[in-house]
C-alpha atoms as a PDB file:
ATOM      1  CA  MET A   1       4.376 -10.101   4.752  1.00  0.00           C
ATOM      2  CA  CYS A   2       7.277  -8.839   6.825  1.00  0.00           C
ATOM      3  CA  CYS A   3      10.491 -10.798   7.122  1.00  0.00           C
ATOM      4  CA  VAL A   4      10.007 -11.195  10.887  1.00  0.00           C
ATOM      5  CA  LEU A   5       7.256 -13.765  10.152  1.00  0.00           C
ATOM      6  CA  VAL A   6       9.598 -16.340   8.655  1.00  0.00           C
ATOM      7  CA  GLY A   7       8.409 -19.175  10.876  1.00  0.00           C
ATOM      8  CA  GLN A   8       4.790 -18.726   9.869  1.00  0.00           C
ATOM      9  CA  MET A   9       5.773 -18.395   6.205  1.00  0.00           C
ATOM     10  CA  LYS A  10       7.461 -21.767   6.162  1.00  0.00           C
ATOM     11  CA  THR A  11       4.410 -23.436   7.709  1.00  0.00           C
ATOM     12  CA  ALA A  12       2.079 -21.565   5.336  1.00  0.00           C
ATOM     13  CA  LEU A  13       4.011 -22.612   2.228  1.00  0.00           C
ATOM     14  CA  LEU A  14       3.847 -26.253   3.213  1.00  0.00           C
ATOM     15  CA  GLU A  15       0.124 -25.947   3.899  1.00  0.00           C
ATOM     16  CA  ILE A  16      -0.484 -24.281   0.518  1.00  0.00           C
ATOM     17  CA  ARG A  17       1.470 -27.010  -1.214  1.00  0.00           C
ATOM     18  CA  ASP A  18      -0.406 -29.821   0.521  1.00  0.00           C
ATOM     19  CA  LYS A  19      -3.898 -28.331   0.135  1.00  0.00           C
ATOM     20  CA  PHE A  20      -3.779 -26.698  -3.289  1.00  0.00           C
ATOM     21  CA  ARG A  21      -0.701 -27.933  -5.129  1.00  0.00           C
ATOM     22  CA  PRO A  22      -0.187 -24.684  -7.127  1.00  0.00           C
ATOM     23  CA  ASP A  23       2.327 -24.265  -9.936  1.00  0.00           C
ATOM     24  CA  ARG A  24       3.573 -20.962  -8.552  1.00  0.00           C
ATOM     25  CA  ILE A  25       3.471 -19.206  -5.195  1.00  0.00           C
ATOM     26  CA  ILE A  26       4.074 -15.452  -5.152  1.00  0.00           C
ATOM     27  CA  VAL A  27       5.062 -13.956  -1.797  1.00  0.00           C
ATOM     28  CA  GLU A  28       4.667 -10.172  -1.609  1.00  0.00           C
ATOM     29  CA  CYS A  29       7.037  -8.777   0.996  1.00  0.00           C
ATOM     30  CA  SER A  30       6.448  -5.620   2.954  1.00  0.00           C
ATOM     31  CA  GLY A  31       8.246  -2.571   1.581  1.00  0.00           C
ATOM     32  CA  SER A  32      10.523  -2.654   4.624  1.00  0.00           C
ATOM     33  CA  ALA A  33      11.461  -6.331   4.328  1.00  0.00           C
ATOM     34  CA  PHE A  34      14.927  -7.513   3.383  1.00  0.00           C
ATOM     35  CA  PRO A  35      14.374 -10.650   1.270  1.00  0.00           C
ATOM     36  CA  ALA A  36      17.380 -12.591   2.560  1.00  0.00           C
ATOM     37  CA  THR A  37      15.566 -13.757   5.692  1.00  0.00           C
ATOM     38  CA  LEU A  38      12.655 -15.083   3.621  1.00  0.00           C
ATOM     39  CA  ALA A  39      14.903 -16.510   0.916  1.00  0.00           C
ATOM     40  CA  PHE A  40      16.930 -18.522   3.416  1.00  0.00           C
ATOM     41  CA  GLN A  41      13.726 -20.130   4.695  1.00  0.00           C
ATOM     42  CA  ILE A  42      12.770 -21.154   1.160  1.00  0.00           C
ATOM     43  CA  ARG A  43      16.275 -22.508   0.582  1.00  0.00           C
ATOM     44  CA  GLU A  44      15.782 -24.639   3.696  1.00  0.00           C
ATOM     45  CA  LEU A  45      12.485 -25.883   2.261  1.00  0.00           C
ATOM     46  CA  GLU A  46      14.297 -26.805  -0.953  1.00  0.00           C
ATOM     47  CA  ARG A  47      16.500 -29.175   1.000  1.00  0.00           C
ATOM     48  CA  GLU A  48      13.721 -30.460   3.244  1.00  0.00           C
ATOM     49  CA  THR A  49      11.301 -31.094   0.357  1.00  0.00           C
ATOM     50  CA  GLU A  50      13.981 -32.249  -2.111  1.00  0.00           C
ATOM     51  CA  ASN A  51      13.266 -29.290  -4.413  1.00  0.00           C
ATOM     52  CA  ASP A  52       9.507 -29.799  -4.369  1.00  0.00           C
ATOM     53  CA  LEU A  53       9.393 -26.192  -3.147  1.00  0.00           C
ATOM     54  CA  LYS A  54      12.096 -24.105  -4.800  1.00  0.00           C
ATOM     55  CA  LEU A  55      13.123 -20.448  -4.858  1.00  0.00           C
ATOM     56  CA  ASP A  56      12.551 -19.269  -8.418  1.00  0.00           C
ATOM     57  CA  ALA A  57      13.301 -15.557  -8.242  1.00  0.00           C
ATOM     58  CA  ILE A  58      13.473 -12.423  -6.121  1.00  0.00           C
ATOM     59  CA  ILE A  59      11.838  -9.459  -7.868  1.00  0.00           C
ATOM     60  CA  THR A  60      12.228  -5.881  -6.647  1.00  0.00           C
ATOM     61  CA  VAL A  61       9.749  -3.160  -7.640  1.00  0.00           C
ATOM     62  CA  ILE A  62      11.241   0.340  -7.618  1.00  0.00           C
ATOM     63  CA  ASP A  63       8.979   3.375  -7.221  1.00  0.00           C
ATOM     64  CA  ALA A  64      10.456   5.754  -9.808  1.00  0.00           C
ATOM     65  CA  GLU A  65       8.709   8.715  -8.243  1.00  0.00           C
ATOM     66  CA  ASN A  66       9.870   8.216  -4.656  1.00  0.00           C
ATOM     67  CA  PHE A  67      12.870   5.866  -4.571  1.00  0.00           C
ATOM     68  CA  ALA A  68      15.475   8.621  -4.298  1.00  0.00           C
ATOM     69  CA  GLY A  69      13.930  10.131  -1.166  1.00  0.00           C
ATOM     70  CA  TYR A  70      13.164   6.783   0.468  1.00  0.00           C
ATOM     71  CA  GLU A  71      16.532   5.285  -0.398  1.00  0.00           C
ATOM     72  CA  ASP A  72      18.318   8.226   1.241  1.00  0.00           C
ATOM     73  CA  THR A  73      17.002   7.181   4.673  1.00  0.00           C
ATOM     74  CA  SER A  74      16.654   3.424   4.190  1.00  0.00           C
ATOM     75  CA  PRO A  75      19.607   1.032   3.901  1.00  0.00           C
ATOM     76  CA  THR A  76      16.995  -1.683   3.367  1.00  0.00           C
ATOM     77  CA  ALA A  77      15.838  -0.020   0.140  1.00  0.00           C
ATOM     78  CA  ARG A  78      19.412  -0.088  -1.134  1.00  0.00           C
ATOM     79  CA  MET A  79      19.753  -3.735  -0.116  1.00  0.00           C
ATOM     80  CA  GLN A  80      16.511  -4.629  -1.900  1.00  0.00           C
ATOM     81  CA  ALA A  81      17.850  -3.065  -5.097  1.00  0.00           C
ATOM     82  CA  SER A  82      21.174  -4.853  -4.715  1.00  0.00           C
ATOM     83  CA  TYR A  83      20.038  -8.407  -3.926  1.00  0.00           C
ATOM     84  CA  THR A  84      17.471  -9.228  -6.580  1.00  0.00           C
ATOM     85  CA  ASP A  85      17.115 -11.194  -9.809  1.00  0.00           C
ATOM     86  CA  MET A  86      15.142  -8.481 -11.603  1.00  0.00           C
ATOM     87  CA  ILE A  87      14.233  -4.838 -11.026  1.00  0.00           C
ATOM     88  CA  LEU A  88      10.857  -3.548 -12.183  1.00  0.00           C
ATOM     89  CA  ILE A  89      10.622   0.238 -12.448  1.00  0.00           C
ATOM     90  CA  ASN A  90       7.108   1.326 -11.538  1.00  0.00           C
ATOM     91  CA  LYS A  91       5.414   4.758 -11.901  1.00  0.00           C
ATOM     92  CA  SER A  92       7.884   5.837 -14.583  1.00  0.00           C
ATOM     93  CA  GLU A  93       5.024   7.617 -16.348  1.00  0.00           C
ATOM     94  CA  HIS A  94       4.937  10.094 -13.454  1.00  0.00           C
ATOM     95  CA  VAL A  95       8.543  11.300 -13.883  1.00  0.00           C
ATOM     96  CA  SER A  96      10.433  13.035 -16.688  1.00  0.00           C
ATOM     97  CA  GLU A  97      12.775  11.161 -19.024  1.00  0.00           C
ATOM     98  CA  ARG A  98      15.683  12.983 -17.378  1.00  0.00           C
ATOM     99  CA  ALA A  99      14.625  11.890 -13.893  1.00  0.00           C
ATOM    100  CA  LEU A 100      14.170   8.317 -15.137  1.00  0.00           C
ATOM    101  CA  ASP A 101      17.665   8.302 -16.658  1.00  0.00           C
ATOM    102  CA  ILE A 102      19.132   9.531 -13.362  1.00  0.00           C
ATOM    103  CA  LEU A 103      17.256   6.807 -11.474  1.00  0.00           C
ATOM    104  CA  ILE A 104      18.472   4.058 -13.798  1.00  0.00           C
ATOM    105  CA  ASP A 105      22.050   5.345 -13.570  1.00  0.00           C
ATOM    106  CA  HIS A 106      21.785   5.263  -9.787  1.00  0.00           C
ATOM    107  CA  LEU A 107      20.338   1.749  -9.812  1.00  0.00           C
ATOM    108  CA  ASN A 108      23.243   0.658 -11.987  1.00  0.00           C
ATOM    109  CA  THR A 109      25.666   1.886  -9.332  1.00  0.00           C
ATOM    110  CA  LEU A 110      23.871  -0.311  -6.802  1.00  0.00           C
ATOM    111  CA  ASN A 111      23.437  -3.281  -9.113  1.00  0.00           C
ATOM    112  CA  ASP A 112      24.800  -3.164 -12.645  1.00  0.00           C
ATOM    113  CA  LEU A 113      24.213  -6.829 -13.533  1.00  0.00           C
ATOM    114  CA  THR A 114      20.496  -7.220 -12.806  1.00  0.00           C
ATOM    115  CA  PRO A 115      17.985  -6.588 -15.651  1.00  0.00           C
ATOM    116  CA  LYS A 116      15.849  -3.475 -15.208  1.00  0.00           C
ATOM    117  CA  ILE A 117      12.434  -3.389 -16.881  1.00  0.00           C
ATOM    118  CA  LYS A 118      10.087  -0.413 -17.051  1.00  0.00           C
ATOM    119  CA  CYS A 119       6.472  -1.271 -16.200  1.00  0.00           C
ATOM    120  CA  ASP A 120       3.733  -0.345 -18.645  1.00  0.00           C
ATOM    121  CA  GLY A 121       1.665   1.695 -16.190  1.00  0.00           C
ATOM    122  CA  ARG A 122      -0.908  -0.432 -14.409  1.00  0.00           C
ATOM    123  CA  ASN A 123      -0.450  -3.156 -17.031  1.00  0.00           C
ATOM    124  CA  GLY A 124       2.878  -3.998 -15.419  1.00  0.00           C
ATOM    125  CA  VAL A 125       5.004  -6.482 -17.357  1.00  0.00           C
ATOM    126  CA  GLU A 126       4.474  -9.816 -19.062  1.00  0.00           C
ATOM    127  CA  PRO A 127       4.287 -12.496 -16.333  1.00  0.00           C
ATOM    128  CA  ALA A 128       6.492 -14.802 -18.407  1.00  0.00           C
ATOM    129  CA  LEU A 129       9.406 -12.429 -17.768  1.00  0.00           C
ATOM    130  CA  LEU A 130       9.221 -13.065 -14.018  1.00  0.00           C
ATOM    131  CA  PHE A 131       9.071 -16.863 -13.913  1.00  0.00           C
ATOM    132  CA  GLY A 132      11.658 -19.553 -14.532  1.00  0.00           C
ATOM    133  CA  LEU A 133      14.646 -17.415 -13.513  1.00  0.00           C
ATOM    134  CA  ASP A 134      16.164 -20.110 -11.256  1.00  0.00           C
ATOM    135  CA  SER A 135      17.680 -17.671  -8.772  1.00  0.00           C
ATOM    136  CA  LYS A 136      21.226 -18.218  -7.566  1.00  0.00           C
ATOM    137  CA  LEU A 137      20.848 -15.747  -4.705  1.00  0.00           C
ATOM    138  CA  PHE A 138      21.184 -16.753  -1.047  1.00  0.00           C
ATOM    139  CA  LEU A 139      22.382 -20.271  -1.676  1.00  0.00           C
ATOM    140  CA  GLU A 140      24.636 -20.002   1.371  1.00  0.00           C
ATOM    141  CA  ASP A 141      23.670 -18.869   4.857  1.00  0.00           C
ATOM    142  CA  ASP A 142      26.601 -16.462   5.075  1.00  0.00           C
ATOM    143  CA  GLN A 143      25.113 -13.964   2.617  1.00  0.00           C
ATOM    144  CA  THR A 144      24.867 -10.320   3.690  1.00  0.00           C
ATOM    145  CA  ASP A 145      21.952  -9.484   5.926  1.00  0.00           C
ATOM    146  CA  VAL A 146      20.839  -6.230   7.459  1.00  0.00           C
ATOM    147  CA  ASP A 147      19.025  -5.293  10.633  1.00  0.00           C
ATOM    148  CA  HIS A 148      16.394  -2.931   9.257  1.00  0.00           C
ATOM    149  CA  HIS A 149      13.864  -2.966  12.061  1.00  0.00           C
ATOM    150  CA  ASP A 150      15.099   0.334  13.505  1.00  0.00           C
ATOM    151  CA  GLU A 151      14.276   2.092  10.237  1.00  0.00           C
ATOM    152  CA  VAL A 152      10.537   1.550  10.227  1.00  0.00           C
ATOM    153  CA  GLU A 153       7.940   2.437  12.849  1.00  0.00           C
ATOM    154  CA  THR A 154       4.340   1.258  12.720  1.00  0.00           C
ATOM    155  CA  ALA A 155       1.143   2.339  14.416  1.00  0.00           C
ATOM    156  CA  THR A 156      -2.411   1.008  14.345  1.00  0.00           C
ATOM    157  CA  ILE A 157      -5.537   3.156  14.047  1.00  0.00           C
ATOM    158  CA  TYR A 158      -8.879   1.670  15.057  1.00  0.00           C
ATOM    159  CA  ARG A 159     -12.445   2.868  15.298  1.00  0.00           C
ATOM    160  CA  GLY A 160     -15.208   0.491  16.337  1.00  0.00           C
ATOM    161  CA  ASN A 161     -18.955   0.801  15.988  1.00  0.00           C
ATOM    162  CA  PRO A 162     -20.706   2.589  18.873  1.00  0.00           C
ATOM    163  CA  PRO A 163     -24.044   1.202  19.993  1.00  0.00           C
ATOM    164  CA  ILE A 164     -26.946   2.944  18.257  1.00  0.00           C
ATOM    165  CA  PRO A 165     -30.186   3.585  20.185  1.00  0.00           C
ATOM    166  CA  GLN A 166     -33.476   2.678  18.486  1.00  0.00           C
ATOM    167  CA  HIS A 167     -34.445   6.222  17.526  1.00  0.00           C
ATOM    168  CA  GLY A 168     -31.056   6.655  15.843  1.00  0.00           C
ATOM    169  CA  HIS A 169     -29.294   9.129  18.117  1.00  0.00           C
ATOM    170  CA  ALA A 170     -26.204   8.667  20.201  1.00  0.00           C
ATOM    171  CA  HIS A 171     -27.502  11.051  22.879  1.00  0.00           C
ATOM    172  CA  GLU A 172     -30.650  11.164  24.958  1.00  0.00           C
ATOM    173  CA  HIS A 173     -33.398  13.682  24.229  1.00  0.00           C
ATOM    174  CA  ASP A 174     -36.850  13.852  22.624  1.00  0.00           C
ATOM    175  CA  ASP A 175     -36.891  13.950  18.848  1.00  0.00           C
ATOM    176  CA  SER A 176     -38.900  17.175  19.072  1.00  0.00           C
ATOM    177  CA  ASP A 177     -35.909  18.841  20.704  1.00  0.00           C
ATOM    178  CA  CYS A 178     -33.359  17.570  18.211  1.00  0.00           C
ATOM    179  CA  HIS A 179     -32.017  20.077  15.680  1.00  0.00           C
ATOM    180  CA  CYS A 180     -29.348  17.810  14.220  1.00  0.00           C
ATOM    181  CA  SER A 181     -28.885  17.852  10.473  1.00  0.00           C
ATOM    182  CA  HIS A 182     -29.883  14.640   8.725  1.00  0.00           C
ATOM    183  CA  SER A 183     -27.138  15.001   6.159  1.00  0.00           C
ATOM    184  CA  THR A 184     -24.328  12.440   6.447  1.00  0.00           C
ATOM    185  CA  ASP A 185     -21.806  15.244   5.849  1.00  0.00           C
ATOM    186  CA  SER A 186     -22.700  16.703   9.251  1.00  0.00           C
ATOM    187  CA  TYR A 187     -21.101  13.738  10.972  1.00  0.00           C
ATOM    188  CA  ALA A 188     -17.712  15.401  10.927  1.00  0.00           C
ATOM    189  CA  SER A 189     -18.858  18.221  13.168  1.00  0.00           C
ATOM    190  CA  HIS A 190     -21.842  16.709  14.963  1.00  0.00           C
ATOM    191  CA  PRO A 191     -21.445  12.945  15.421  1.00  0.00           C
ATOM    192  CA  HIS A 192     -25.029  11.904  16.140  1.00  0.00           C
ATOM    193  CA  ALA A 193     -26.172   8.719  14.477  1.00  0.00           C
ATOM    194  CA  HIS A 194     -28.762   9.322  11.749  1.00  0.00           C
ATOM    195  CA  PRO A 195     -29.547   6.919   8.948  1.00  0.00           C
ATOM    196  CA  ALA A 196     -27.842   7.574   5.610  1.00  0.00           C
ATOM    197  CA  GLU A 197     -30.572   7.089   3.042  1.00  0.00           C
ATOM    198  CA  SER A 198     -28.151   6.250   0.232  1.00  0.00           C
ATOM    199  CA  SER A 199     -26.649   3.212   1.921  1.00  0.00           C
ATOM    200  CA  GLY A 200     -28.880   2.107   4.759  1.00  0.00           C
ATOM    201  CA  ILE A 201     -25.914   2.458   7.135  1.00  0.00           C
ATOM    202  CA  SER A 202     -26.077   4.926   9.981  1.00  0.00           C
ATOM    203  CA  THR A 203     -23.413   7.622  10.210  1.00  0.00           C
ATOM    204  CA  ALA A 204     -22.055   6.030  13.389  1.00  0.00           C
ATOM    205  CA  GLU A 205     -21.210   2.956  11.343  1.00  0.00           C
ATOM    206  CA  PHE A 206     -19.038   4.542   8.660  1.00  0.00           C
ATOM    207  CA  ILE A 207     -16.455   7.235   8.037  1.00  0.00           C
ATOM    208  CA  GLY A 208     -17.548   9.891   5.557  1.00  0.00           C
ATOM    209  CA  GLU A 209     -15.612   9.591   2.315  1.00  0.00           C
ATOM    210  CA  ILE A 210     -14.822  13.323   2.221  1.00  0.00           C
ATOM    211  CA  ILE A 211     -13.462  13.149   5.767  1.00  0.00           C
ATOM    212  CA  LEU A 212     -11.308  10.169   4.797  1.00  0.00           C
ATOM    213  CA  LEU A 213      -9.939  11.838   1.650  1.00  0.00           C
ATOM    214  CA  ASN A 214      -9.123  15.057   3.507  1.00  0.00           C
ATOM    215  CA  ALA A 215      -7.315  13.114   6.239  1.00  0.00           C
ATOM    216  CA  LEU A 216      -5.227  11.167   3.712  1.00  0.00           C
ATOM    217  CA  SER A 217      -4.344  14.322   1.769  1.00  0.00           C
ATOM    218  CA  SER A 218      -2.770  15.795   4.910  1.00  0.00           C
ATOM    219  CA  LEU A 219      -0.177  13.006   5.204  1.00  0.00           C
ATOM    220  CA  SER A 220       3.449  13.745   4.358  1.00  0.00           C
ATOM    221  CA  LYS A 221       5.031  11.249   1.971  1.00  0.00           C
ATOM    222  CA  GLU A 222       8.432  12.274   3.309  1.00  0.00           C
ATOM    223  CA  THR A 223       7.840  10.636   6.692  1.00  0.00           C
ATOM    224  CA  ILE A 224       4.847   8.325   6.078  1.00  0.00           C
ATOM    225  CA  TRP A 225       5.452   5.579   3.544  1.00  0.00           C
ATOM    226  CA  ARG A 226       2.407   3.317   3.739  1.00  0.00           C
ATOM    227  CA  VAL A 227      -1.110   3.310   5.161  1.00  0.00           C
ATOM    228  CA  LYS A 228      -3.122   0.175   4.566  1.00  0.00           C
ATOM    229  CA  GLY A 229      -6.110  -1.584   6.012  1.00  0.00           C
ATOM    230  CA  PHE A 230      -9.905  -1.506   5.985  1.00  0.00           C
ATOM    231  CA  VAL A 231     -12.446   1.304   6.116  1.00  0.00           C
ATOM    232  CA  ILE A 232     -16.230   1.475   5.890  1.00  0.00           C
ATOM    233  CA  THR A 233     -17.599   4.532   4.074  1.00  0.00           C
ATOM    234  CA  GLU A 234     -21.154   5.393   3.094  1.00  0.00           C
ATOM    235  CA  LYS A 235     -20.476   3.514  -0.155  1.00  0.00           C
ATOM    236  CA  GLY A 236     -19.442   0.212   1.438  1.00  0.00           C
ATOM    237  CA  HIS A 237     -16.416  -1.740   2.705  1.00  0.00           C
ATOM    238  CA  PHE A 238     -13.066  -0.809   1.173  1.00  0.00           C
ATOM    239  CA  ILE A 239      -9.454  -1.906   1.241  1.00  0.00           C
ATOM    240  CA  LEU A 240      -7.254   1.197   1.556  1.00  0.00           C
ATOM    241  CA  ASN A 241      -3.732   1.168   0.152  1.00  0.00           C
ATOM    242  CA  TRP A 242      -1.872   4.491   0.492  1.00  0.00           C
ATOM    243  CA  ALA A 243       1.767   4.794  -0.583  1.00  0.00           C
ATOM    244  CA  PHE A 244       3.834   7.959  -0.882  1.00  0.00           C
ATOM    245  CA  GLY A 245       0.906  10.278  -1.491  1.00  0.00           C
ATOM    246  CA  ARG A 246      -1.108   8.049  -3.850  1.00  0.00           C
ATOM    247  CA  PHE A 247      -3.836   5.676  -2.775  1.00  0.00           C
ATOM    248  CA  ASP A 248      -6.438   3.185  -3.939  1.00  0.00           C
ATOM    249  CA  LEU A 249      -9.789   2.388  -2.356  1.00  0.00           C
ATOM    250  CA  THR A 250     -10.859  -1.067  -3.532  1.00  0.00           C
ATOM    251  CA  LEU A 251     -14.431  -2.161  -2.887  1.00  0.00           C
ATOM    252  CA  PHE A 252     -14.589  -5.726  -1.643  1.00  0.00           C
ATOM    253  CA  ASP A 253     -17.276  -8.301  -0.913  1.00  0.00           C
ATOM    254  CA  ASP A 254     -18.593  -7.548   2.560  1.00  0.00           C
ATOM    255  CA  SER A 255     -20.985 -10.462   2.752  1.00  0.00           C
ATOM    256  CA  GLU A 256     -18.845 -12.099   5.423  1.00  0.00           C
ATOM    257  CA  GLN A 257     -17.536  -8.902   6.989  1.00  0.00           C
ATOM    258  CA  ASN A 258     -18.597  -8.361  10.568  1.00  0.00           C
ATOM    259  CA  GLU A 259     -19.269  -4.645  10.880  1.00  0.00           C
ATOM    260  CA  SER A 260     -18.828  -4.853  14.644  1.00  0.00           C
ATOM    261  CA  GLU A 261     -15.143  -5.473  13.990  1.00  0.00           C
ATOM    262  CA  GLY A 262     -14.623  -1.794  13.232  1.00  0.00           C
ATOM    263  CA  VAL A 263     -15.209   1.112  10.869  1.00  0.00           C
ATOM    264  CA  VAL A 264     -11.503   1.965  10.565  1.00  0.00           C
ATOM    265  CA  LYS A 265      -8.660  -0.542  10.861  1.00  0.00           C
ATOM    266  CA  LEU A 266      -5.415   0.898   9.500  1.00  0.00           C
ATOM    267  CA  THR A 267      -1.703   0.291   9.859  1.00  0.00           C
ATOM    268  CA  VAL A 268       0.576   3.307   9.378  1.00  0.00           C
ATOM    269  CA  MET A 269       4.249   2.788   8.497  1.00  0.00           C
ATOM    270  CA  GLY A 270       7.046   5.284   8.073  1.00  0.00           C
ATOM    271  CA  GLU A 271      10.155   6.908   9.446  1.00  0.00           C
ATOM    272  CA  ARG A 272      10.932   6.059  13.045  1.00  0.00           C
ATOM    273  CA  GLY A 273      10.183   8.907  15.405  1.00  0.00           C
ATOM    274  CA  GLU A 274       7.560  10.439  13.125  1.00  0.00           C
ATOM    275  CA  VAL A 275       4.889   7.796  12.753  1.00  0.00           C
ATOM    276  CA  ARG A 276       3.052   7.927  16.050  1.00  0.00           C
ATOM    277  CA  ARG A 277       2.729  11.709  15.998  1.00  0.00           C
ATOM    278  CA  THR A 278       1.313  11.661  12.469  1.00  0.00           C
ATOM    279  CA  ALA A 279      -0.843   8.602  13.168  1.00  0.00           C
ATOM    280  CA  ARG A 280      -2.349  10.343  16.198  1.00  0.00           C
ATOM    281  CA  LYS A 281      -3.418  13.292  14.033  1.00  0.00           C
ATOM    282  CA  LEU A 282      -4.811  10.918  11.422  1.00  0.00           C
ATOM    283  CA  ALA A 283      -6.745   9.037  14.106  1.00  0.00           C
ATOM    284  CA  GLU A 284      -8.220  12.284  15.412  1.00  0.00           C
ATOM    285  CA  ALA A 285      -9.317  13.279  11.902  1.00  0.00           C
ATOM    286  CA  LEU A 286     -11.023   9.894  11.487  1.00  0.00           C
ATOM    287  CA  GLN A 287     -12.515  10.022  15.017  1.00  0.00           C
ATOM    288  CA  ALA A 288     -10.557   6.876  15.783  1.00  0.00           C
ATOM    289  CA  LYS A 289      -8.038   5.785  18.408  1.00  0.00           C
ATOM    290  CA  LEU A 290      -4.340   5.107  18.204  1.00  0.00           C
ATOM    291  CA  ARG A 291      -3.375   1.677  19.451  1.00  0.00           C
END
């Protein structure tokens, strides 16, 4: 979540407590969020709930591969590294030992007192290291804050499902006159709706995986920092999470997903002044619209 949603967060935390009574609640902030705004809300809840809800720790994850470039243009990134109870260094396996040493030295100039732990690839770190820290940060409302909202620009890309005529074409003619290819790969150049035999979904109802991968590979990690949302490919419904040139497509249960809600629903985030231009090109590549 972003730190502008503090009001909803407070309500949500109380609802989670009352309905589920969990031992721990982990709030994942957006990469552009400064945690002070969220932490102050939790500190308020400490007083209002007599410590029934309590701020345990603020954890910052540093991208070893991209922090130097991102931090150069983002005061928020520097603030995140400065106001935290623990720093986790992620993606260290993708950089040299020399580059990692330089990064750690730089982090020490920003924050020399906070522990810094290198993640073990996708295995991360032992959860026990992250809990029970009893944070002393943001106990007072006069702590340093930063207005970061001018740093980050966002844009939304959307593509809905067009209506599909019974005979499976999105244009009117007799089937005898149609010379369209019945391969799903032809959708990129000739967007008529033919059934895809492998999935039972017509080409009008999904974005070809090759088209999607080519579009993502064209993004610049210098100006675009995150792309996340939902896509439907010929293989099913996926959650897309793209960050600084790397991405994951995670298949999820689509039993309750309403396909009429859209084939592509993505949020693009990055450097202000660059996002909408890049997002427009991405939308065109995905045959979607920029909102």
